[in-house]
Amino acid sequence: MAKEIKNKSFVLRIDTDTMNAIEKWAADEFRSTNGQILYILDQALKKNGRISRKKLSQ
């Protein structure tokens, strides 16, 4: 049986320049802005040993 992934929603306040940079980066990599933010967070968590590399890649 497949594991159900549950997402939690929240509001993120971010300055315009940062958001514009993330939107451009997302477009360059064919991701949604939300997907790009999740990717950035995932990579930072893995790099700093805050989350298992296997856990998020499933």
N, C-alpha and C. Protein backbone atom coordinates (compact mmCIF):
# COMPACT_ATOMS: atom_id res chain seq x y z
N MET A 1 0.84 -1.19 0.00
CA MET A 1 0.00 0.00 0.00
C MET A 1 0.88 1.25 0.00
N ALA A 2 0.60 2.20 -0.86
CA ALA A 2 1.40 3.41 -0.98
C ALA A 2 1.18 4.32 0.22
N LYS A 3 2.27 4.98 0.62
CA LYS A 3 2.18 5.94 1.71
C LYS A 3 1.52 7.21 1.23
N GLU A 4 0.61 7.72 2.04
CA GLU A 4 -0.05 8.98 1.69
C GLU A 4 0.81 10.13 2.20
N ILE A 5 1.12 11.07 1.31
CA ILE A 5 1.90 12.24 1.68
C ILE A 5 0.94 13.36 2.05
N LYS A 6 1.11 13.88 3.26
CA LYS A 6 0.26 14.97 3.71
C LYS A 6 1.06 16.26 3.68
N ASN A 7 0.50 17.29 3.08
CA ASN A 7 1.13 18.59 3.02
C ASN A 7 0.44 19.55 3.96
N LYS A 8 1.21 20.40 4.59
CA LYS A 8 0.67 21.41 5.48
C LYS A 8 0.79 22.76 4.80
N SER A 9 -0.26 23.52 4.78
CA SER A 9 -0.26 24.85 4.16
C SER A 9 0.04 25.92 5.20
N PHE A 10 0.74 26.96 4.76
CA PHE A 10 0.99 28.11 5.64
C PHE A 10 1.30 29.32 4.77
N VAL A 11 1.22 30.50 5.38
CA VAL A 11 1.49 31.75 4.68
C VAL A 11 2.97 32.06 4.81
N LEU A 12 3.58 32.47 3.71
CA LEU A 12 4.99 32.84 3.70
C LEU A 12 5.09 34.29 3.25
N ARG A 13 5.68 35.12 4.07
CA ARG A 13 5.91 36.51 3.69
C ARG A 13 7.33 36.61 3.16
N ILE A 14 7.47 37.12 1.95
CA ILE A 14 8.77 37.16 1.31
C ILE A 14 8.88 38.47 0.51
N ASP A 15 10.07 39.06 0.53
CA ASP A 15 10.22 40.34 -0.17
C ASP A 15 10.14 40.14 -1.69
N THR A 16 9.81 41.20 -2.38
CA THR A 16 9.56 41.15 -3.83
C THR A 16 10.77 40.68 -4.62
N ASP A 17 11.95 41.19 -4.29
CA ASP A 17 13.15 40.80 -5.05
C ASP A 17 13.43 39.30 -4.93
N THR A 18 13.29 38.77 -3.71
CA THR A 18 13.52 37.34 -3.50
C THR A 18 12.49 36.51 -4.25
N MET A 19 11.24 36.93 -4.19
CA MET A 19 10.18 36.20 -4.88
C MET A 19 10.40 36.22 -6.39
N ASN A 20 10.79 37.37 -6.92
CA ASN A 20 11.06 37.46 -8.36
C ASN A 20 12.20 36.52 -8.76
N ALA A 21 13.24 36.45 -7.94
CA ALA A 21 14.37 35.57 -8.23
C ALA A 21 13.94 34.11 -8.19
N ILE A 22 13.10 33.74 -7.22
CA ILE A 22 12.62 32.36 -7.12
C ILE A 22 11.72 32.02 -8.31
N GLU A 23 10.86 32.94 -8.70
CA GLU A 23 9.98 32.70 -9.85
C GLU A 23 10.79 32.50 -11.14
N LYS A 24 11.84 33.30 -11.33
CA LYS A 24 12.68 33.15 -12.52
C LYS A 24 13.42 31.82 -12.47
N TRP A 25 13.97 31.47 -11.32
CA TRP A 25 14.68 30.21 -11.14
C TRP A 25 13.74 29.04 -11.44
N ALA A 26 12.53 29.11 -10.92
CA ALA A 26 11.54 28.06 -11.15
C ALA A 26 11.24 27.91 -12.64
N ALA A 27 11.04 29.01 -13.31
CA ALA A 27 10.76 28.97 -14.75
C ALA A 27 11.94 28.37 -15.52
N ASP A 28 13.16 28.73 -15.12
CA ASP A 28 14.36 28.20 -15.77
C ASP A 28 14.46 26.68 -15.63
N GLU A 29 13.93 26.14 -14.54
CA GLU A 29 14.01 24.70 -14.27
C GLU A 29 12.68 23.98 -14.49
N PHE A 30 11.74 24.67 -15.14
CA PHE A 30 10.43 24.09 -15.49
C PHE A 30 9.69 23.56 -14.25
N ARG A 31 9.72 24.34 -13.17
CA ARG A 31 8.98 24.00 -11.95
C ARG A 31 8.00 25.14 -11.65
N SER A 32 7.01 24.82 -10.84
CA SER A 32 6.15 25.88 -10.32
C SER A 32 6.93 26.63 -9.24
N THR A 33 6.47 27.80 -8.89
CA THR A 33 7.13 28.56 -7.82
C THR A 33 7.08 27.77 -6.52
N ASN A 34 5.94 27.18 -6.21
CA ASN A 34 5.80 26.37 -5.01
C ASN A 34 6.76 25.18 -5.06
N GLY A 35 6.83 24.52 -6.20
CA GLY A 35 7.74 23.40 -6.36
C GLY A 35 9.19 23.80 -6.17
N GLN A 36 9.54 24.99 -6.65
CA GLN A 36 10.92 25.47 -6.51
C GLN A 36 11.24 25.75 -5.04
N ILE A 37 10.33 26.36 -4.32
CA ILE A 37 10.54 26.63 -2.89
C ILE A 37 10.70 25.32 -2.14
N LEU A 38 9.86 24.33 -2.45
CA LEU A 38 9.99 23.02 -1.80
C LEU A 38 11.33 22.37 -2.13
N TYR A 39 11.78 22.50 -3.37
CA TYR A 39 13.07 21.95 -3.79
C TYR A 39 14.22 22.61 -3.01
N ILE A 40 14.19 23.94 -2.91
CA ILE A 40 15.23 24.67 -2.18
C ILE A 40 15.26 24.24 -0.72
N LEU A 41 14.10 24.15 -0.10
CA LEU A 41 14.03 23.73 1.31
C LEU A 41 14.52 22.29 1.48
N ASP A 42 14.12 21.41 0.57
CA ASP A 42 14.54 20.01 0.61
C ASP A 42 16.07 19.90 0.55
N GLN A 43 16.67 20.62 -0.40
CA GLN A 43 18.12 20.56 -0.56
C GLN A 43 18.85 21.11 0.67
N ALA A 44 18.34 22.20 1.24
CA ALA A 44 18.96 22.79 2.43
C ALA A 44 18.85 21.85 3.63
N LEU A 45 17.70 21.21 3.79
CA LEU A 45 17.50 20.28 4.91
C LEU A 45 18.42 19.07 4.78
N LYS A 46 18.55 18.54 3.58
CA LYS A 46 19.43 17.39 3.36
C LYS A 46 20.89 17.77 3.59
N LYS A 47 21.30 18.91 3.05
CA LYS A 47 22.69 19.37 3.16
C LYS A 47 23.11 19.54 4.62
N ASN A 48 22.19 19.97 5.45
CA ASN A 48 22.49 20.24 6.85
C ASN A 48 22.14 19.09 7.78
N GLY A 49 21.80 17.94 7.19
CA GLY A 49 21.51 16.75 7.99
C GLY A 49 20.28 16.87 8.86
N ARG A 50 19.35 17.69 8.46
CA ARG A 50 18.11 17.89 9.23
C ARG A 50 17.03 16.90 8.86
N ILE A 51 17.21 16.24 7.71
CA ILE A 51 16.23 15.27 7.25
C ILE A 51 16.95 14.21 6.42
N SER A 52 16.47 13.00 6.51
CA SER A 52 17.06 11.88 5.79
C SER A 52 16.95 12.08 4.28
N ARG A 53 18.00 11.73 3.56
CA ARG A 53 17.96 11.82 2.09
C ARG A 53 16.93 10.87 1.52
N LYS A 54 16.74 9.71 2.17
CA LYS A 54 15.78 8.71 1.67
C LYS A 54 14.34 9.16 1.92
N LYS A 55 14.09 9.79 3.05
CA LYS A 55 12.73 10.14 3.44
C LYS A 55 12.01 10.99 2.41
N LEU A 56 12.65 12.04 1.90
CA LEU A 56 11.98 12.95 0.98
C LEU A 56 11.99 12.46 -0.46
N SER A 57 12.85 11.52 -0.79
CA SER A 57 12.92 11.07 -2.17
C SER A 57 11.94 9.95 -2.47
N GLN A 58 11.18 9.51 -1.48
CA GLN A 58 10.22 8.42 -1.71
C GLN A 58 8.95 8.95 -2.33
